[in-house]
């Protein structure tokens, strides 16, 4: 299960410091990892993919009051857009030889 969060931040480096600090909370809710992406046209457009073993753990993290505080301290300036998804397939083309 993943939660994909997209939002705009005022300063990526300032946001990233708070994001890193907040890892303990993600881990406490069972997060197994994350992926970060920055917008190609706007580096302050951030996409975060948080990975969890279950939807219940992901929802508990999303409801944690410290998340809103971390977003405020990190300079999130847009309404976060959340998407919940389950992995259906993963492929790594680096391990595939061209035909």
PDB file of N, CA and C in Angstrom:
ATOM      1  N   UNK A   1       0.858  -1.175   0.000  1.00  0.00           N
ATOM      2  CA  UNK A   1       0.000   0.000   0.000  1.00  0.00           C
ATOM      3  C   UNK A   1       0.895   1.226   0.000  1.00  0.00           C
ATOM      4  N   UNK A   2       0.536   2.185  -0.820  1.00  0.00           N
ATOM      5  CA  UNK A   2       1.262   3.458  -0.811  1.00  0.00           C
ATOM      6  C   UNK A   2       0.287   4.609  -0.610  1.00  0.00           C
ATOM      7  N   UNK A   3       0.832   5.675  -0.073  1.00  0.00           N
ATOM      8  CA  UNK A   3       0.151   6.969  -0.093  1.00  0.00           C
ATOM      9  C   UNK A   3       1.045   7.856  -0.944  1.00  0.00           C
ATOM     10  N   UNK A   4       0.488   8.379  -2.031  1.00  0.00           N
ATOM     11  CA  UNK A   4       1.216   9.350  -2.836  1.00  0.00           C
ATOM     12  C   UNK A   4       0.694  10.733  -2.452  1.00  0.00           C
ATOM     13  N   UNK A   5       1.614  11.589  -2.040  1.00  0.00           N
ATOM     14  CA  UNK A   5       1.261  12.942  -1.618  1.00  0.00           C
ATOM     15  C   UNK A   5       1.953  13.919  -2.563  1.00  0.00           C
ATOM     16  N   UNK A   6       1.184  14.827  -3.119  1.00  0.00           N
ATOM     17  CA  UNK A   6       1.748  15.864  -3.987  1.00  0.00           C
ATOM     18  C   UNK A   6       1.392  17.218  -3.390  1.00  0.00           C
ATOM     19  N   UNK A   7       2.414  18.070  -3.284  1.00  0.00           N
ATOM     20  CA  UNK A   7       2.172  19.426  -2.790  1.00  0.00           C
ATOM     21  C   UNK A   7       3.309  20.333  -3.228  1.00  0.00           C
ATOM     22  N   UNK A   8       3.092  21.616  -3.041  1.00  0.00           N
ATOM     23  CA  UNK A   8       4.098  22.623  -3.362  1.00  0.00           C
ATOM     24  C   UNK A   8       4.678  23.131  -2.055  1.00  0.00           C
ATOM     25  N   UNK A   9       5.996  23.299  -2.046  1.00  0.00           N
ATOM     26  CA  UNK A   9       6.678  23.806  -0.856  1.00  0.00           C
ATOM     27  C   UNK A   9       7.330  25.134  -1.203  1.00  0.00           C
ATOM     28  N   UNK A  10       7.568  25.939  -0.179  1.00  0.00           N
ATOM     29  CA  UNK A  10       8.184  27.242  -0.439  1.00  0.00           C
ATOM     30  C   UNK A  10       9.679  27.123  -0.699  1.00  0.00           C
ATOM     31  N   UNK A  11      10.329  26.126  -0.101  1.00  0.00           N
ATOM     32  CA  UNK A  11      11.762  25.929  -0.271  1.00  0.00           C
ATOM     33  C   UNK A  11      12.061  24.446  -0.072  1.00  0.00           C
ATOM     34  N   UNK A  12      12.491  23.769  -1.135  1.00  0.00           N
ATOM     35  CA  UNK A  12      12.684  22.320  -1.065  1.00  0.00           C
ATOM     36  C   UNK A  12      13.663  21.919   0.035  1.00  0.00           C
ATOM     37  N   UNK A  13      14.790  22.583   0.140  1.00  0.00           N
ATOM     38  CA  UNK A  13      15.801  22.196   1.125  1.00  0.00           C
ATOM     39  C   UNK A  13      15.267  22.308   2.556  1.00  0.00           C
ATOM     40  N   UNK A  14      14.523  23.362   2.839  1.00  0.00           N
ATOM     41  CA  UNK A  14      13.921  23.519   4.165  1.00  0.00           C
ATOM     42  C   UNK A  14      12.887  22.422   4.406  1.00  0.00           C
ATOM     43  N   UNK A  15      12.065  22.138   3.384  1.00  0.00           N
ATOM     44  CA  UNK A  15      11.059  21.074   3.498  1.00  0.00           C
ATOM     45  C   UNK A  15      11.735  19.725   3.734  1.00  0.00           C
ATOM     46  N   UNK A  16      12.808  19.454   2.989  1.00  0.00           N
ATOM     47  CA  UNK A  16      13.482  18.150   3.077  1.00  0.00           C
ATOM     48  C   UNK A  16      14.039  17.914   4.466  1.00  0.00           C
ATOM     49  N   UNK A  17      14.556  18.923   5.107  1.00  0.00           N
ATOM     50  CA  UNK A  17      15.079  18.772   6.468  1.00  0.00           C
ATOM     51  C   UNK A  17      13.973  18.319   7.428  1.00  0.00           C
ATOM     52  N   UNK A  18      12.791  18.910   7.310  1.00  0.00           N
ATOM     53  CA  UNK A  18      11.670  18.527   8.173  1.00  0.00           C
ATOM     54  C   UNK A  18      11.171  17.135   7.782  1.00  0.00           C
ATOM     55  N   UNK A  19      11.117  16.838   6.499  1.00  0.00           N
ATOM     56  CA  UNK A  19      10.709  15.504   6.038  1.00  0.00           C
ATOM     57  C   UNK A  19      11.624  14.445   6.651  1.00  0.00           C
ATOM     58  N   UNK A  20      12.930  14.666   6.602  1.00  0.00           N
ATOM     59  CA  UNK A  20      13.884  13.711   7.162  1.00  0.00           C
ATOM     60  C   UNK A  20      13.681  13.557   8.672  1.00  0.00           C
ATOM     61  N   UNK A  21      13.448  14.653   9.347  1.00  0.00           N
ATOM     62  CA  UNK A  21      13.213  14.642  10.787  1.00  0.00           C
ATOM     63  C   UNK A  21      11.970  13.828  11.142  1.00  0.00           C
ATOM     64  N   UNK A  22      10.992  13.817  10.257  1.00  0.00           N
ATOM     65  CA  UNK A  22       9.703  13.166  10.514  1.00  0.00           C
ATOM     66  C   UNK A  22       9.739  11.656  10.229  1.00  0.00           C
ATOM     67  N   UNK A  23      10.876  11.133   9.829  1.00  0.00           N
ATOM     68  CA  UNK A  23      10.974   9.706   9.499  1.00  0.00           C
ATOM     69  C   UNK A  23      10.581   8.817  10.671  1.00  0.00           C
ATOM     70  N   UNK A  24      10.926   9.196  11.875  1.00  0.00           N
ATOM     71  CA  UNK A  24      10.594   8.382  13.043  1.00  0.00           C
ATOM     72  C   UNK A  24       9.092   8.143  13.147  1.00  0.00           C
ATOM     73  N   UNK A  25       8.298   9.139  12.784  1.00  0.00           N
ATOM     74  CA  UNK A  25       6.840   8.992  12.832  1.00  0.00           C
ATOM     75  C   UNK A  25       6.383   8.017  11.749  1.00  0.00           C
ATOM     76  N   UNK A  26       6.933   8.151  10.541  1.00  0.00           N
ATOM     77  CA  UNK A  26       6.577   7.205   9.475  1.00  0.00           C
ATOM     78  C   UNK A  26       6.925   5.780   9.897  1.00  0.00           C
ATOM     79  N   UNK A  27       8.111   5.609  10.452  1.00  0.00           N
ATOM     80  CA  UNK A  27       8.564   4.288  10.880  1.00  0.00           C
ATOM     81  C   UNK A  27       7.673   3.740  11.995  1.00  0.00           C
ATOM     82  N   UNK A  28       7.301   4.582  12.940  1.00  0.00           N
ATOM     83  CA  UNK A  28       6.433   4.157  14.044  1.00  0.00           C
ATOM     84  C   UNK A  28       5.096   3.623  13.527  1.00  0.00           C
ATOM     85  N   UNK A  29       4.630   4.146  12.396  1.00  0.00           N
ATOM     86  CA  UNK A  29       3.363   3.680  11.813  1.00  0.00           C
ATOM     87  C   UNK A  29       3.571   2.518  10.840  1.00  0.00           C
ATOM     88  N   UNK A  30       4.804   2.023  10.743  1.00  0.00           N
ATOM     89  CA  UNK A  30       5.056   0.832   9.933  1.00  0.00           C
ATOM     90  C   UNK A  30       5.566   1.093   8.534  1.00  0.00           C
ATOM     91  N   UNK A  31       5.874   2.343   8.198  1.00  0.00           N
ATOM     92  CA  UNK A  31       6.375   2.629   6.846  1.00  0.00           C
ATOM     93  C   UNK A  31       7.620   1.799   6.573  1.00  0.00           C
ATOM     94  N   UNK A  32       7.695   1.294   5.343  1.00  0.00           N
ATOM     95  CA  UNK A  32       8.834   0.469   4.944  1.00  0.00           C
ATOM     96  C   UNK A  32       9.783   1.209   4.013  1.00  0.00           C
ATOM     97  N   UNK A  33       9.406   2.392   3.570  1.00  0.00           N
ATOM     98  CA  UNK A  33      10.270   3.179   2.698  1.00  0.00           C
ATOM     99  C   UNK A  33       9.506   4.309   2.043  1.00  0.00           C
ATOM    100  N   UNK A  34      10.228   5.077   1.226  1.00  0.00           N
ATOM    101  CA  UNK A  34       9.592   6.180   0.493  1.00  0.00           C
ATOM    102  C   UNK A  34      10.379   6.469  -0.779  1.00  0.00           C
ATOM    103  N   UNK A  35       9.737   7.159  -1.693  1.00  0.00           N
ATOM    104  CA  UNK A  35      10.345   7.698  -2.902  1.00  0.00           C
ATOM    105  C   UNK A  35      10.014   9.173  -2.942  1.00  0.00           C
ATOM    106  N   UNK A  36      10.968  10.006  -3.363  1.00  0.00           N
ATOM    107  CA  UNK A  36      10.738  11.440  -3.508  1.00  0.00           C
ATOM    108  C   UNK A  36      10.972  11.840  -4.954  1.00  0.00           C
ATOM    109  N   UNK A  37      10.120  12.727  -5.446  1.00  0.00           N
ATOM    110  CA  UNK A  37      10.256  13.288  -6.781  1.00  0.00           C
ATOM    111  C   UNK A  37      10.062  14.790  -6.697  1.00  0.00           C
ATOM    112  N   UNK A  38      10.795  15.513  -7.553  1.00  0.00           N
ATOM    113  CA  UNK A  38      10.628  16.966  -7.675  1.00  0.00           C
ATOM    114  C   UNK A  38      10.140  17.259  -9.077  1.00  0.00           C
ATOM    115  N   UNK A  39       9.321  18.290  -9.203  1.00  0.00           N
ATOM    116  CA  UNK A  39       8.796  18.666 -10.501  1.00  0.00           C
ATOM    117  C   UNK A  39       9.912  19.060 -11.469  1.00  0.00           C
ATOM    118  N   UNK A  40       9.806  18.618 -12.711  1.00  0.00           N
ATOM    119  CA  UNK A  40      10.810  18.938 -13.729  1.00  0.00           C
ATOM    120  C   UNK A  40      10.797  20.424 -14.073  1.00  0.00           C
ATOM    121  N   UNK A  41       9.627  21.052 -13.985  1.00  0.00           N
ATOM    122  CA  UNK A  41       9.511  22.474 -14.299  1.00  0.00           C
ATOM    123  C   UNK A  41       9.527  23.361 -13.060  1.00  0.00           C
ATOM    124  N   UNK A  42       9.232  22.775 -11.912  1.00  0.00           N
ATOM    125  CA  UNK A  42       9.222  23.524 -10.663  1.00  0.00           C
ATOM    126  C   UNK A  42       9.760  22.613  -9.560  1.00  0.00           C
ATOM    127  N   UNK A  43      11.008  22.804  -9.139  1.00  0.00           N
ATOM    128  CA  UNK A  43      11.598  21.910  -8.141  1.00  0.00           C
ATOM    129  C   UNK A  43      10.949  21.990  -6.762  1.00  0.00           C
ATOM    130  N   UNK A  44      10.043  22.941  -6.570  1.00  0.00           N
ATOM    131  CA  UNK A  44       9.311  23.015  -5.310  1.00  0.00           C
ATOM    132  C   UNK A  44       7.981  22.263  -5.362  1.00  0.00           C
ATOM    133  N   UNK A  45       7.679  21.644  -6.503  1.00  0.00           N
ATOM    134  CA  UNK A  45       6.548  20.722  -6.623  1.00  0.00           C
ATOM    135  C   UNK A  45       7.065  19.358  -6.207  1.00  0.00           C
ATOM    136  N   UNK A  46       6.559  18.836  -5.104  1.00  0.00           N
ATOM    137  CA  UNK A  46       7.097  17.609  -4.520  1.00  0.00           C
ATOM    138  C   UNK A  46       6.056  16.497  -4.570  1.00  0.00           C
ATOM    139  N   UNK A  47       6.515  15.303  -4.944  1.00  0.00           N
ATOM    140  CA  UNK A  47       5.699  14.102  -4.864  1.00  0.00           C
ATOM    141  C   UNK A  47       6.411  13.137  -3.933  1.00  0.00           C
ATOM    142  N   UNK A  48       5.692  12.674  -2.926  1.00  0.00           N
ATOM    143  CA  UNK A  48       6.220  11.715  -1.950  1.00  0.00           C
ATOM    144  C   UNK A  48       5.392  10.447  -2.054  1.00  0.00           C
ATOM    145  N   UNK A  49       6.064   9.324  -2.190  1.00  0.00           N
ATOM    146  CA  UNK A  49       5.390   8.032  -2.165  1.00  0.00           C
ATOM    147  C   UNK A  49       5.870   7.316  -0.908  1.00  0.00           C
ATOM    148  N   UNK A  50       4.971   7.180   0.059  1.00  0.00           N
ATOM    149  CA  UNK A  50       5.264   6.467   1.308  1.00  0.00           C
ATOM    150  C   UNK A  50       4.734   5.048   1.181  1.00  0.00           C
ATOM    151  N   UNK A  51       5.564   4.075   1.532  1.00  0.00           N
ATOM    152  CA  UNK A  51       5.208   2.665   1.396  1.00  0.00           C
ATOM    153  C   UNK A  51       4.887   2.068   2.766  1.00  0.00           C
ATOM    154  N   UNK A  52       3.750   1.354   2.833  1.00  0.00           N
ATOM    155  CA  UNK A  52       3.293   0.724   4.067  1.00  0.00           C
ATOM    156  C   UNK A  52       2.839  -0.700   3.773  1.00  0.00           C
ATOM    157  N   UNK A  53       2.942  -1.599   4.750  1.00  0.00           N
ATOM    158  CA  UNK A  53       2.464  -2.968   4.548  1.00  0.00           C
ATOM    159  C   UNK A  53       0.940  -3.063   4.431  1.00  0.00           C
ATOM    160  N   UNK A  54       0.205  -2.139   5.074  1.00  0.00           N
ATOM    161  CA  UNK A  54      -1.256  -2.230   5.054  1.00  0.00           C
ATOM    162  C   UNK A  54      -1.880  -0.844   4.953  1.00  0.00           C
ATOM    163  N   UNK A  55      -3.123  -0.837   4.507  1.00  0.00           N
ATOM    164  CA  UNK A  55      -3.861   0.426   4.428  1.00  0.00           C
ATOM    165  C   UNK A  55      -4.088   1.011   5.818  1.00  0.00           C
ATOM    166  N   UNK A  56      -4.336   0.137   6.790  1.00  0.00           N
ATOM    167  CA  UNK A  56      -4.581   0.606   8.153  1.00  0.00           C
ATOM    168  C   UNK A  56      -3.376   1.390   8.686  1.00  0.00           C
ATOM    169  N   UNK A  57      -2.182   0.902   8.420  1.00  0.00           N
ATOM    170  CA  UNK A  57      -0.983   1.602   8.873  1.00  0.00           C
ATOM    171  C   UNK A  57      -0.820   2.928   8.129  1.00  0.00           C
ATOM    172  N   UNK A  58      -1.099   2.913   6.844  1.00  0.00           N
ATOM    173  CA  UNK A  58      -1.000   4.140   6.049  1.00  0.00           C
ATOM    174  C   UNK A  58      -2.004   5.177   6.525  1.00  0.00           C
ATOM    175  N   UNK A  59      -3.231   4.738   6.811  1.00  0.00           N
ATOM    176  CA  UNK A  59      -4.254   5.663   7.289  1.00  0.00           C
ATOM    177  C   UNK A  59      -3.895   6.219   8.668  1.00  0.00           C
ATOM    178  N   UNK A  60      -3.319   5.381   9.522  1.00  0.00           N
ATOM    179  CA  UNK A  60      -2.916   5.849  10.843  1.00  0.00           C
ATOM    180  C   UNK A  60      -1.842   6.921  10.719  1.00  0.00           C
ATOM    181  N   UNK A  61      -0.905   6.719   9.796  1.00  0.00           N
ATOM    182  CA  UNK A  61       0.113   7.744   9.573  1.00  0.00           C
ATOM    183  C   UNK A  61      -0.518   9.036   9.059  1.00  0.00           C
ATOM    184  N   UNK A  62      -1.398   8.924   8.078  1.00  0.00           N
ATOM    185  CA  UNK A  62      -2.025  10.119   7.498  1.00  0.00           C
ATOM    186  C   UNK A  62      -2.836  10.888   8.538  1.00  0.00           C
ATOM    187  N   UNK A  63      -3.361  10.194   9.545  1.00  0.00           N
ATOM    188  CA  UNK A  63      -4.172  10.835  10.578  1.00  0.00           C
ATOM    189  C   UNK A  63      -3.336  11.341  11.752  1.00  0.00           C
ATOM    190  N   UNK A  64      -2.050  11.038  11.767  1.00  0.00           N
ATOM    191  CA  UNK A  64      -1.210  11.455  12.887  1.00  0.00           C
ATOM    192  C   UNK A  64      -1.147  12.980  12.942  1.00  0.00           C
ATOM    193  N   UNK A  65      -1.470  13.581  14.086  1.00  0.00           N
ATOM    194  CA  UNK A  65      -1.473  15.046  14.198  1.00  0.00           C
ATOM    195  C   UNK A  65      -0.121  15.693  13.887  1.00  0.00           C
ATOM    196  N   UNK A  66       0.967  14.961  14.099  1.00  0.00           N
ATOM    197  CA  UNK A  66       2.282  15.539  13.841  1.00  0.00           C
ATOM    198  C   UNK A  66       2.534  15.769  12.355  1.00  0.00           C
ATOM    199  N   UNK A  67       1.787  15.088  11.491  1.00  0.00           N
ATOM    200  CA  UNK A  67       1.979  15.259  10.046  1.00  0.00           C
ATOM    201  C   UNK A  67       1.607  16.676   9.620  1.00  0.00           C
ATOM    202  N   UNK A  68       0.473  17.166  10.095  1.00  0.00           N
ATOM    203  CA  UNK A  68       0.050  18.529   9.747  1.00  0.00           C
ATOM    204  C   UNK A  68       1.080  19.540  10.242  1.00  0.00           C
ATOM    205  N   UNK A  69       1.569  19.342  11.450  1.00  0.00           N
ATOM    206  CA  UNK A  69       2.581  20.235  12.010  1.00  0.00           C
ATOM    207  C   UNK A  69       3.858  20.190  11.175  1.00  0.00           C
ATOM    208  N   UNK A  70       4.281  18.995  10.780  1.00  0.00           N
ATOM    209  CA  UNK A  70       5.499  18.861   9.974  1.00  0.00           C
ATOM    210  C   UNK A  70       5.332  19.561   8.627  1.00  0.00           C
ATOM    211  N   UNK A  71       4.163  19.435   8.028  1.00  0.00           N
ATOM    212  CA  UNK A  71       3.921  20.109   6.748  1.00  0.00           C
ATOM    213  C   UNK A  71       3.984  21.625   6.909  1.00  0.00           C
ATOM    214  N   UNK A  72       3.420  22.127   7.989  1.00  0.00           N
ATOM    215  CA  UNK A  72       3.472  23.572   8.234  1.00  0.00           C
ATOM    216  C   UNK A  72       4.901  24.037   8.458  1.00  0.00           C
ATOM    217  N   UNK A  73       5.648  23.317   9.302  1.00  0.00           N
ATOM    218  CA  UNK A  73       7.033  23.691   9.577  1.00  0.00           C
ATOM    219  C   UNK A  73       7.921  23.545   8.335  1.00  0.00           C
ATOM    220  N   UNK A  74       7.567  22.610   7.466  1.00  0.00           N
ATOM    221  CA  UNK A  74       8.345  22.387   6.251  1.00  0.00           C
ATOM    222  C   UNK A  74       8.025  23.359   5.127  1.00  0.00           C
ATOM    223  N   UNK A  75       7.017  24.182   5.313  1.00  0.00           N
ATOM    224  CA  UNK A  75       6.700  25.187   4.311  1.00  0.00           C
ATOM    225  C   UNK A  75       5.824  24.705   3.173  1.00  0.00           C
ATOM    226  N   UNK A  76       4.958  23.737   3.433  1.00  0.00           N
ATOM    227  CA  UNK A  76       3.995  23.307   2.410  1.00  0.00           C
ATOM    228  C   UNK A  76       3.019  24.454   2.186  1.00  0.00           C
ATOM    229  N   UNK A  77       2.897  24.895   0.928  1.00  0.00           N
ATOM    230  CA  UNK A  77       2.072  26.076   0.644  1.00  0.00           C
ATOM    231  C   UNK A  77       0.842  25.763  -0.201  1.00  0.00           C
ATOM    232  N   UNK A  78       0.636  24.487  -0.544  1.00  0.00           N
ATOM    233  CA  UNK A  78      -0.564  24.114  -1.280  1.00  0.00           C
ATOM    234  C   UNK A  78      -1.306  23.044  -0.497  1.00  0.00           C
ATOM    235  N   UNK A  79      -2.558  22.844  -0.858  1.00  0.00           N
ATOM    236  CA  UNK A  79      -3.326  21.763  -0.254  1.00  0.00           C
ATOM    237  C   UNK A  79      -2.734  20.438  -0.735  1.00  0.00           C
ATOM    238  N   UNK A  80      -2.364  19.540   0.171  1.00  0.00           N
ATOM    239  CA  UNK A  80      -1.816  18.250  -0.262  1.00  0.00           C
ATOM    240  C   UNK A  80      -2.860  17.434  -1.024  1.00  0.00           C
ATOM    241  N   UNK A  81      -2.418  16.788  -2.086  1.00  0.00           N
ATOM    242  CA  UNK A  81      -3.261  15.880  -2.853  1.00  0.00           C
ATOM    243  C   UNK A  81      -2.813  14.458  -2.528  1.00  0.00           C
ATOM    244  N   UNK A  82      -3.712  13.666  -1.947  1.00  0.00           N
ATOM    245  CA  UNK A  82      -3.380  12.303  -1.549  1.00  0.00           C
ATOM    246  C   UNK A  82      -4.021  11.288  -2.471  1.00  0.00           C
ATOM    247  N   UNK A  83      -3.256  10.269  -2.825  1.00  0.00           N
ATOM    248  CA  UNK A  83      -3.745   9.145  -3.605  1.00  0.00           C
ATOM    249  C   UNK A  83      -3.325   7.869  -2.888  1.00  0.00           C
ATOM    250  N   UNK A  84      -4.270   6.969  -2.706  1.00  0.00           N
ATOM    251  CA  UNK A  84      -3.992   5.670  -2.098  1.00  0.00           C
ATOM    252  C   UNK A  84      -3.933   4.646  -3.216  1.00  0.00           C
ATOM    253  N   UNK A  85      -2.941   3.773  -3.193  1.00  0.00           N
ATOM    254  CA  UNK A  85      -2.826   2.772  -4.259  1.00  0.00           C
ATOM    255  C   UNK A  85      -2.157   1.509  -3.740  1.00  0.00           C
ATOM    256  N   UNK A  86      -2.494   0.400  -4.375  1.00  0.00           N
ATOM    257  CA  UNK A  86      -1.854  -0.874  -4.094  1.00  0.00           C
ATOM    258  C   UNK A  86      -1.032  -1.266  -5.310  1.00  0.00           C
ATOM    259  N   UNK A  87       0.152  -1.767  -5.068  1.00  0.00           N
ATOM    260  CA  UNK A  87       1.017  -2.182  -6.171  1.00  0.00           C
ATOM    261  C   UNK A  87       0.421  -3.398  -6.870  1.00  0.00           C
ATOM    262  N   UNK A  88       0.357  -3.328  -8.178  1.00  0.00           N
ATOM    263  CA  UNK A  88      -0.128  -4.466  -8.950  1.00  0.00           C
ATOM    264  C   UNK A  88       0.978  -5.087  -9.798  1.00  0.00           C
ATOM    265  N   UNK A  89       2.018  -4.314 -10.064  1.00  0.00           N
ATOM    266  CA  UNK A  89       3.133  -4.844 -10.841  1.00  0.00           C
ATOM    267  C   UNK A  89       4.334  -3.931 -10.671  1.00  0.00           C
ATOM    268  N   UNK A  90       5.500  -4.547 -10.665  1.00  0.00           N
ATOM    269  CA  UNK A  90       6.743  -3.778 -10.635  1.00  0.00           C
ATOM    270  C   UNK A  90       7.700  -4.429 -11.634  1.00  0.00           C
ATOM    271  N   UNK A  91       8.403  -3.617 -12.396  1.00  0.00           N
ATOM    272  CA  UNK A  91       9.365  -4.121 -13.367  1.00  0.00           C
ATOM    273  C   UNK A  91      10.622  -3.284 -13.278  1.00  0.00           C
ATOM    274  N   UNK A  92      11.744  -3.933 -13.464  1.00  0.00           N
ATOM    275  CA  UNK A  92      13.031  -3.253 -13.464  1.00  0.00           C
ATOM    276  C   UNK A  92      13.677  -3.525 -14.811  1.00  0.00           C
ATOM    277  N   UNK A  93      13.602  -2.566 -15.734  1.00  0.00           N
ATOM    278  CA  UNK A  93      14.102  -2.754 -17.086  1.00  0.00           C
ATOM    279  C   UNK A  93      15.619  -2.789 -17.151  1.00  0.00           C
ATOM    280  N   UNK A  94      16.280  -2.389 -16.088  1.00  0.00           N
ATOM    281  CA  UNK A  94      17.741  -2.447 -16.084  1.00  0.00           C
ATOM    282  C   UNK A  94      18.244  -3.870 -16.109  1.00  0.00           C
ATOM    283  N   UNK A  95      17.436  -4.803 -15.695  1.00  0.00           N
ATOM    284  CA  UNK A  95      17.837  -6.216 -15.649  1.00  0.00           C
ATOM    285  C   UNK A  95      17.417  -6.981 -16.902  1.00  0.00           C
ATOM    286  N   UNK A  96      16.749  -6.310 -17.845  1.00  0.00           N
ATOM    287  CA  UNK A  96      16.251  -6.948 -19.055  1.00  0.00           C
ATOM    288  C   UNK A  96      17.169  -6.622 -20.221  1.00  0.00           C
ATOM    289  N   UNK A  97      17.568  -7.648 -20.973  1.00  0.00           N
ATOM    290  CA  UNK A  97      18.391  -7.427 -22.156  1.00  0.00           C
ATOM    291  C   UNK A  97      17.504  -7.015 -23.321  1.00  0.00           C
ATOM    292  N   UNK A  98      17.974  -6.071 -24.114  1.00  0.00           N
ATOM    293  CA  UNK A  98      17.224  -5.614 -25.281  1.00  0.00           C
ATOM    294  C   UNK A  98      17.115  -6.759 -26.285  1.00  0.00           C
ATOM    295  N   UNK A  99      15.965  -6.850 -26.928  1.00  0.00           N
ATOM    296  CA  UNK A  99      15.730  -7.928 -27.898  1.00  0.00           C
ATOM    297  C   UNK A  99      16.343  -7.592 -29.247  1.00  0.00           C
TER     298      UNK A  99
END
